[in-house]
């Protein structure tokens, strides 16, 4: 077990207080002679470091690193999914715009055909009227 004066660590008063509380919490969780020695040393301004606390700290750090990596992965996946949905929506909008343009073109063609139909109907009326006149003239000439 290694011991270090807490004052040599360059900690603030608040950090020293937090370290002492943490040590006391560890002592209450694992009442061993080592933890009792660590508590006594802490009260004297000495920080004792043992292998099990270092192991727990490394384990905690690895666990936190794993959580951080998983969180980054999930953020990345959600970003990818968001981009895909955005692209799909963009494609849907583009397709809808294309269909609307096609609809407008069909309506324009229908309007042209109706105008042509009206023109043809008018020509038919003129032809019918001319035919009637021609028949009337033919009767008059007979």
N, C-alpha and C. Protein backbone atom coordinates (compact mmCIF):
# COMPACT_ATOMS: atom_id res chain seq x y z
N UNK A 1 0.86 -1.16 0.00
CA UNK A 1 0.00 0.00 0.00
C UNK A 1 0.91 1.22 0.00
N UNK A 2 0.54 2.24 -0.78
CA UNK A 2 1.32 3.46 -0.90
C UNK A 2 0.57 4.59 -0.23
N UNK A 3 1.30 5.47 0.43
CA UNK A 3 0.63 6.62 1.05
C UNK A 3 1.25 7.90 0.51
N UNK A 4 0.41 8.93 0.41
CA UNK A 4 0.82 10.22 -0.14
C UNK A 4 0.15 11.30 0.70
N UNK A 5 0.87 12.36 1.02
CA UNK A 5 0.28 13.49 1.71
C UNK A 5 -0.75 14.13 0.77
N UNK A 6 -1.96 14.34 1.25
CA UNK A 6 -3.01 14.95 0.41
C UNK A 6 -2.57 16.32 -0.07
N UNK A 7 -1.85 17.05 0.75
CA UNK A 7 -1.42 18.40 0.37
C UNK A 7 -0.47 18.37 -0.82
N UNK A 8 0.19 17.24 -1.07
CA UNK A 8 1.13 17.11 -2.20
C UNK A 8 0.40 16.90 -3.52
N UNK A 9 -0.89 16.61 -3.47
CA UNK A 9 -1.64 16.31 -4.70
C UNK A 9 -2.10 17.57 -5.42
N UNK A 10 -2.00 18.72 -4.76
CA UNK A 10 -2.42 19.96 -5.41
C UNK A 10 -3.92 20.09 -5.54
N UNK A 11 -4.65 19.52 -4.60
CA UNK A 11 -6.10 19.55 -4.64
C UNK A 11 -6.63 20.79 -3.93
N UNK A 12 -7.82 21.21 -4.31
CA UNK A 12 -8.47 22.31 -3.61
C UNK A 12 -9.06 21.77 -2.32
N UNK A 13 -9.47 22.68 -1.45
CA UNK A 13 -10.08 22.28 -0.18
C UNK A 13 -11.32 21.44 -0.45
N UNK A 14 -12.09 21.84 -1.43
CA UNK A 14 -13.32 21.10 -1.76
C UNK A 14 -12.98 19.69 -2.26
N UNK A 15 -11.95 19.57 -3.09
CA UNK A 15 -11.56 18.26 -3.61
C UNK A 15 -11.03 17.36 -2.48
N UNK A 16 -10.28 17.95 -1.53
CA UNK A 16 -9.79 17.18 -0.39
C UNK A 16 -10.97 16.67 0.43
N UNK A 17 -11.95 17.54 0.64
CA UNK A 17 -13.13 17.16 1.40
C UNK A 17 -13.87 16.02 0.69
N UNK A 18 -13.99 16.13 -0.63
CA UNK A 18 -14.66 15.08 -1.41
C UNK A 18 -13.88 13.77 -1.30
N UNK A 19 -12.56 13.83 -1.36
CA UNK A 19 -11.74 12.62 -1.25
C UNK A 19 -11.94 11.97 0.10
N UNK A 20 -11.96 12.77 1.15
CA UNK A 20 -12.15 12.21 2.49
C UNK A 20 -13.53 11.55 2.62
N UNK A 21 -14.55 12.22 2.07
CA UNK A 21 -15.90 11.62 2.12
C UNK A 21 -15.93 10.30 1.36
N UNK A 22 -15.25 10.28 0.22
CA UNK A 22 -15.21 9.05 -0.59
C UNK A 22 -14.53 7.93 0.16
N UNK A 23 -13.43 8.27 0.84
CA UNK A 23 -12.70 7.25 1.60
C UNK A 23 -13.58 6.72 2.73
N UNK A 24 -14.27 7.63 3.40
CA UNK A 24 -15.16 7.19 4.49
C UNK A 24 -16.28 6.30 3.95
N UNK A 25 -16.79 6.65 2.77
CA UNK A 25 -17.84 5.83 2.17
C UNK A 25 -17.30 4.44 1.83
N UNK A 26 -16.07 4.39 1.30
CA UNK A 26 -15.45 3.10 1.01
C UNK A 26 -15.26 2.28 2.27
N UNK A 27 -14.85 2.95 3.35
CA UNK A 27 -14.63 2.26 4.62
C UNK A 27 -15.94 1.65 5.10
N UNK A 28 -17.01 2.39 4.96
CA UNK A 28 -18.29 1.87 5.43
C UNK A 28 -18.77 0.70 4.57
N UNK A 29 -18.37 0.66 3.32
CA UNK A 29 -18.79 -0.42 2.43
C UNK A 29 -17.92 -1.66 2.59
N UNK A 30 -16.63 -1.45 2.84
CA UNK A 30 -15.72 -2.59 2.95
C UNK A 30 -14.89 -2.45 4.22
N UNK A 31 -15.43 -2.86 5.34
CA UNK A 31 -14.72 -2.70 6.60
C UNK A 31 -13.58 -3.70 6.73
N UNK A 32 -12.41 -3.33 6.21
CA UNK A 32 -11.22 -4.17 6.35
C UNK A 32 -10.17 -3.37 7.10
N UNK A 33 -9.14 -4.05 7.48
CA UNK A 33 -8.07 -3.34 8.20
C UNK A 33 -7.43 -2.30 7.29
N UNK A 34 -7.33 -2.60 5.98
CA UNK A 34 -6.78 -1.65 5.02
C UNK A 34 -7.64 -0.40 4.94
N UNK A 35 -8.96 -0.59 4.86
CA UNK A 35 -9.84 0.56 4.74
C UNK A 35 -9.86 1.38 6.02
N UNK A 36 -9.69 0.70 7.16
CA UNK A 36 -9.64 1.44 8.43
C UNK A 36 -8.34 2.24 8.52
N UNK A 37 -7.27 1.65 8.01
CA UNK A 37 -6.00 2.38 7.98
C UNK A 37 -6.11 3.58 7.05
N UNK A 38 -6.80 3.41 5.93
CA UNK A 38 -6.97 4.50 4.97
C UNK A 38 -7.78 5.62 5.60
N UNK A 39 -8.79 5.26 6.38
CA UNK A 39 -9.61 6.27 7.04
C UNK A 39 -8.78 7.05 8.05
N UNK A 40 -7.99 6.34 8.84
CA UNK A 40 -7.13 7.02 9.82
C UNK A 40 -6.14 7.93 9.12
N UNK A 41 -5.56 7.44 8.05
CA UNK A 41 -4.57 8.24 7.31
C UNK A 41 -5.24 9.48 6.74
N UNK A 42 -6.47 9.32 6.23
CA UNK A 42 -7.20 10.46 5.67
C UNK A 42 -7.44 11.53 6.71
N UNK A 43 -7.78 11.10 7.91
CA UNK A 43 -8.02 12.08 8.97
C UNK A 43 -6.74 12.81 9.36
N UNK A 44 -5.58 12.22 9.03
CA UNK A 44 -4.30 12.85 9.33
C UNK A 44 -3.74 13.61 8.12
N UNK A 45 -4.56 13.69 7.05
CA UNK A 45 -4.10 14.41 5.85
C UNK A 45 -3.26 13.58 4.92
N UNK A 46 -3.34 12.26 5.04
CA UNK A 46 -2.58 11.37 4.17
C UNK A 46 -3.58 10.56 3.35
N UNK A 47 -3.31 10.44 2.07
CA UNK A 47 -4.16 9.64 1.19
C UNK A 47 -3.47 8.31 0.94
N UNK A 48 -4.11 7.24 1.34
CA UNK A 48 -3.56 5.91 1.13
C UNK A 48 -4.23 5.29 -0.09
N UNK A 49 -3.42 4.71 -0.93
CA UNK A 49 -3.93 4.09 -2.14
C UNK A 49 -3.61 2.61 -2.08
N UNK A 50 -4.62 1.78 -2.22
CA UNK A 50 -4.38 0.34 -2.23
C UNK A 50 -4.77 -0.23 -3.59
N UNK A 51 -4.35 -1.44 -3.83
CA UNK A 51 -4.59 -2.06 -5.14
C UNK A 51 -6.07 -2.22 -5.45
N UNK A 52 -6.87 -2.59 -4.47
CA UNK A 52 -8.30 -2.80 -4.75
C UNK A 52 -8.98 -1.49 -5.11
N UNK A 53 -8.61 -0.38 -4.47
CA UNK A 53 -9.24 0.89 -4.84
C UNK A 53 -8.78 1.34 -6.21
N UNK A 54 -7.50 1.07 -6.52
CA UNK A 54 -7.01 1.38 -7.87
C UNK A 54 -7.73 0.51 -8.90
N UNK A 55 -7.90 -0.76 -8.58
CA UNK A 55 -8.60 -1.66 -9.50
C UNK A 55 -10.03 -1.18 -9.72
N UNK A 56 -10.71 -0.81 -8.59
CA UNK A 56 -12.09 -0.32 -8.72
C UNK A 56 -12.12 0.94 -9.57
N UNK A 57 -11.16 1.81 -9.38
CA UNK A 57 -11.12 3.06 -10.16
C UNK A 57 -10.91 2.75 -11.64
N UNK A 58 -9.97 1.84 -11.94
CA UNK A 58 -9.75 1.48 -13.34
C UNK A 58 -10.99 0.82 -13.92
N UNK A 59 -11.63 -0.05 -13.13
CA UNK A 59 -12.86 -0.69 -13.59
C UNK A 59 -13.94 0.36 -13.86
N UNK A 60 -14.08 1.30 -12.94
CA UNK A 60 -15.05 2.39 -13.13
C UNK A 60 -14.73 3.19 -14.38
N UNK A 61 -13.43 3.52 -14.57
CA UNK A 61 -13.02 4.28 -15.75
C UNK A 61 -13.33 3.51 -17.04
N UNK A 62 -13.05 2.20 -17.04
CA UNK A 62 -13.34 1.38 -18.22
C UNK A 62 -14.84 1.32 -18.47
N UNK A 63 -15.61 1.18 -17.40
CA UNK A 63 -17.07 1.16 -17.53
C UNK A 63 -17.57 2.48 -18.12
N UNK A 64 -17.06 3.58 -17.58
CA UNK A 64 -17.47 4.90 -18.09
C UNK A 64 -17.04 5.07 -19.55
N UNK A 65 -15.85 4.59 -19.89
CA UNK A 65 -15.37 4.65 -21.27
C UNK A 65 -16.30 3.84 -22.18
N UNK A 66 -16.69 2.65 -21.73
CA UNK A 66 -17.62 1.83 -22.51
C UNK A 66 -18.95 2.53 -22.71
N UNK A 67 -19.44 3.16 -21.66
CA UNK A 67 -20.71 3.90 -21.76
C UNK A 67 -20.55 5.05 -22.74
N UNK A 68 -19.44 5.78 -22.66
CA UNK A 68 -19.18 6.91 -23.56
C UNK A 68 -19.12 6.44 -25.01
N UNK A 69 -18.41 5.31 -25.25
CA UNK A 69 -18.31 4.78 -26.61
C UNK A 69 -19.68 4.36 -27.14
N UNK A 70 -20.47 3.72 -26.27
CA UNK A 70 -21.82 3.29 -26.68
C UNK A 70 -22.69 4.50 -26.98
N UNK A 71 -22.58 5.53 -26.15
CA UNK A 71 -23.34 6.76 -26.37
C UNK A 71 -22.94 7.41 -27.68
N UNK A 72 -21.64 7.48 -27.96
CA UNK A 72 -21.17 8.04 -29.23
C UNK A 72 -21.69 7.23 -30.41
N UNK A 73 -21.68 5.89 -30.25
CA UNK A 73 -22.20 5.02 -31.31
C UNK A 73 -23.69 5.29 -31.55
N UNK A 74 -24.45 5.41 -30.46
CA UNK A 74 -25.89 5.66 -30.59
C UNK A 74 -26.16 7.03 -31.23
N UNK A 75 -25.37 8.02 -30.85
CA UNK A 75 -25.52 9.35 -31.46
C UNK A 75 -25.23 9.27 -32.95
N UNK A 76 -24.17 8.54 -33.30
CA UNK A 76 -23.82 8.38 -34.71
C UNK A 76 -24.93 7.67 -35.48
N UNK A 77 -25.47 6.60 -34.88
CA UNK A 77 -26.55 5.86 -35.53
C UNK A 77 -27.80 6.71 -35.69
N UNK A 78 -28.11 7.49 -34.66
CA UNK A 78 -29.31 8.35 -34.76
C UNK A 78 -29.09 9.44 -35.81
N UNK A 79 -27.87 9.92 -35.95
CA UNK A 79 -27.57 10.91 -36.99
C UNK A 79 -27.75 10.29 -38.37
N UNK A 80 -27.24 9.07 -38.53
CA UNK A 80 -27.39 8.38 -39.82
C UNK A 80 -28.86 8.16 -40.13
N UNK A 81 -29.63 7.72 -39.14
CA UNK A 81 -31.06 7.49 -39.36
C UNK A 81 -31.77 8.79 -39.70
N UNK A 82 -31.40 9.86 -39.03
CA UNK A 82 -32.03 11.16 -39.31
C UNK A 82 -31.73 11.61 -40.74
N UNK A 83 -30.48 11.44 -41.16
CA UNK A 83 -30.10 11.82 -42.53
C UNK A 83 -30.86 10.97 -43.54
N UNK A 84 -31.00 9.67 -43.26
CA UNK A 84 -31.73 8.80 -44.17
C UNK A 84 -33.20 9.21 -44.28
N UNK A 85 -33.82 9.51 -43.15
CA UNK A 85 -35.23 9.95 -43.16
C UNK A 85 -35.34 11.27 -43.93
N UNK A 86 -34.40 12.17 -43.69
CA UNK A 86 -34.40 13.46 -44.38
C UNK A 86 -34.27 13.24 -45.89
N UNK A 87 -33.36 12.33 -46.30
CA UNK A 87 -33.19 12.02 -47.72
C UNK A 87 -34.46 11.42 -48.30
N UNK A 88 -35.07 10.49 -47.56
CA UNK A 88 -36.31 9.88 -48.04
C UNK A 88 -37.41 10.92 -48.19
N UNK A 89 -37.50 11.80 -47.20
CA UNK A 89 -38.52 12.85 -47.30
C UNK A 89 -38.22 13.77 -48.46
N UNK A 90 -36.94 14.06 -48.67
CA UNK A 90 -36.54 14.89 -49.81
C UNK A 90 -36.93 14.22 -51.12
N UNK A 91 -36.71 12.89 -51.20
CA UNK A 91 -37.10 12.15 -52.41
C UNK A 91 -38.61 12.18 -52.59
N UNK A 92 -39.35 12.02 -51.49
CA UNK A 92 -40.81 12.07 -51.59
C UNK A 92 -41.27 13.44 -52.08
N UNK A 93 -40.65 14.48 -51.56
CA UNK A 93 -41.02 15.84 -51.97
C UNK A 93 -40.67 16.04 -53.44
N UNK A 94 -39.47 15.57 -53.85
CA UNK A 94 -39.08 15.69 -55.26
C UNK A 94 -40.06 14.93 -56.15
N UNK A 95 -40.44 13.72 -55.72
CA UNK A 95 -41.41 12.93 -56.51
C UNK A 95 -42.77 13.63 -56.56
N UNK A 96 -43.19 14.19 -55.43
CA UNK A 96 -44.47 14.90 -55.40
C UNK A 96 -44.41 16.11 -56.32
N UNK A 97 -43.30 16.85 -56.30
CA UNK A 97 -43.14 18.00 -57.19
C UNK A 97 -43.20 17.57 -58.65
N UNK A 98 -42.55 16.45 -58.96
CA UNK A 98 -42.57 15.94 -60.33
C UNK A 98 -43.99 15.54 -60.74
N UNK A 99 -44.72 14.90 -59.83
CA UNK A 99 -46.10 14.51 -60.14
C UNK A 99 -47.00 15.74 -60.31
N UNK A 100 -46.77 16.75 -59.49
CA UNK A 100 -47.55 17.99 -59.62
C UNK A 100 -47.26 18.65 -60.95
N UNK A 101 -45.99 18.69 -61.35
CA UNK A 101 -45.61 19.27 -62.64
C UNK A 101 -46.26 18.48 -63.79
N UNK A 102 -46.26 17.16 -63.65
CA UNK A 102 -46.89 16.30 -64.67
C UNK A 102 -48.39 16.59 -64.74
N UNK A 103 -49.03 16.73 -63.57
CA UNK A 103 -50.46 17.05 -63.51
C UNK A 103 -50.74 18.39 -64.20
N UNK A 104 -49.90 19.40 -63.91
CA UNK A 104 -50.10 20.70 -64.55
C UNK A 104 -49.94 20.61 -66.06
N UNK A 105 -48.98 19.81 -66.53
CA UNK A 105 -48.79 19.63 -67.97
C UNK A 105 -50.01 18.94 -68.59
N UNK A 106 -50.54 17.94 -67.93
CA UNK A 106 -51.75 17.26 -68.43
C UNK A 106 -52.92 18.24 -68.47
N UNK A 107 -53.07 19.05 -67.43
CA UNK A 107 -54.17 20.04 -67.41
C UNK A 107 -54.00 21.05 -68.54
N UNK A 108 -52.74 21.46 -68.82
CA UNK A 108 -52.49 22.39 -69.92
C UNK A 108 -52.88 21.75 -71.25
N UNK A 109 -52.53 20.48 -71.43
CA UNK A 109 -52.88 19.78 -72.66
C UNK A 109 -54.40 19.62 -72.79
N UNK A 110 -55.08 19.35 -71.68
CA UNK A 110 -56.55 19.24 -71.70
C UNK A 110 -57.15 20.57 -72.11
N UNK A 111 -56.62 21.67 -71.55
CA UNK A 111 -57.12 23.00 -71.93
C UNK A 111 -56.93 23.25 -73.42
N UNK A 112 -55.76 22.85 -73.97
CA UNK A 112 -55.51 23.00 -75.41
C UNK A 112 -56.50 22.17 -76.22
N UNK A 113 -56.72 20.93 -75.75
CA UNK A 113 -57.66 20.06 -76.48
C UNK A 113 -59.08 20.62 -76.42
N UNK A 114 -59.48 21.18 -75.27
CA UNK A 114 -60.81 21.79 -75.17
C UNK A 114 -60.92 22.99 -76.10
N UNK A 115 -59.85 23.78 -76.18
CA UNK A 115 -59.86 24.93 -77.10
C UNK A 115 -59.95 24.44 -78.54
N UNK A 116 -59.17 23.38 -78.89
CA UNK A 116 -59.24 22.80 -80.22
C UNK A 116 -60.64 22.24 -80.49
N UNK A 117 -61.21 21.56 -79.49
CA UNK A 117 -62.56 21.00 -79.63
C UNK A 117 -63.58 22.12 -79.87
N UNK A 118 -63.49 23.20 -79.13
CA UNK A 118 -64.40 24.33 -79.31
C UNK A 118 -64.22 24.94 -80.70
N UNK A 119 -62.97 25.02 -81.14
CA UNK A 119 -62.70 25.56 -82.48
C UNK A 119 -63.30 24.64 -83.54
N UNK A 120 -63.12 23.33 -83.37
CA UNK A 120 -63.68 22.35 -84.32
C UNK A 120 -65.21 22.42 -84.29
N UNK A 121 -65.79 22.55 -83.12
CA UNK A 121 -67.24 22.65 -83.00
C UNK A 121 -67.73 23.92 -83.73
N UNK A 122 -66.98 24.99 -83.57
CA UNK A 122 -67.35 26.24 -84.25
C UNK A 122 -67.24 26.07 -85.77
N UNK A 123 -66.15 25.42 -86.23
CA UNK A 123 -65.99 25.15 -87.66
C UNK A 123 -67.11 24.26 -88.15
N UNK A 124 -67.50 23.25 -87.38
CA UNK A 124 -68.60 22.37 -87.75
C UNK A 124 -69.90 23.17 -87.92
N UNK A 125 -70.13 24.11 -86.99
CA UNK A 125 -71.32 24.95 -87.10
C UNK A 125 -71.28 25.81 -88.37
N UNK A 126 -70.07 26.33 -88.68
CA UNK A 126 -69.93 27.14 -89.91
C UNK A 126 -70.16 26.27 -91.14
N UNK A 127 -69.56 25.05 -91.13
CA UNK A 127 -69.74 24.14 -92.26
C UNK A 127 -71.21 23.76 -92.41
N UNK A 128 -71.88 23.47 -91.31
CA UNK A 128 -73.30 23.13 -91.34
C UNK A 128 -74.11 24.29 -91.91
N UNK A 129 -73.76 25.50 -91.46
CA UNK A 129 -74.46 26.70 -91.94
C UNK A 129 -74.21 26.90 -93.43
N UNK A 130 -72.94 26.71 -93.86
CA UNK A 130 -72.62 26.85 -95.30
C UNK A 130 -73.32 25.76 -96.12
N UNK A 131 -73.36 24.57 -95.60
CA UNK A 131 -74.04 23.47 -96.29
C UNK A 131 -75.53 23.79 -96.44
N UNK A 132 -76.11 24.33 -95.38
CA UNK A 132 -77.54 24.70 -95.40
C UNK A 132 -77.77 25.78 -96.46
N UNK A 133 -76.88 26.76 -96.53
CA UNK A 133 -77.00 27.81 -97.54
C UNK A 133 -76.86 27.23 -98.94
N UNK A 134 -75.87 26.33 -99.08
CA UNK A 134 -75.66 25.72 -100.39
C UNK A 134 -76.90 24.93 -100.80
N UNK A 135 -77.48 24.19 -99.87
CA UNK A 135 -78.70 23.44 -100.18
C UNK A 135 -79.85 24.39 -100.51
N UNK A 136 -79.92 25.50 -99.75
CA UNK A 136 -80.98 26.49 -100.02
C UNK A 136 -80.78 27.11 -101.40
N UNK A 137 -79.54 27.43 -101.75
CA UNK A 137 -79.26 28.00 -103.07
C UNK A 137 -79.55 26.99 -104.18
N UNK A 138 -79.23 25.75 -103.93
CA UNK A 138 -79.47 24.71 -104.93
C UNK A 138 -80.96 24.56 -105.17
N UNK A 139 -81.76 24.63 -104.10
CA UNK A 139 -83.21 24.54 -104.25
C UNK A 139 -83.75 25.73 -105.01
N UNK A 140 -83.19 26.89 -104.73
CA UNK A 140 -83.65 28.10 -105.42
C UNK A 140 -83.32 28.03 -106.88
N UNK A 141 -82.18 27.46 -107.20
CA UNK A 141 -81.78 27.37 -108.60
C UNK A 141 -82.58 26.29 -109.34
N UNK A 142 -83.14 25.38 -108.73
CA UNK A 142 -83.90 24.34 -109.40
C UNK A 142 -85.24 24.91 -109.64
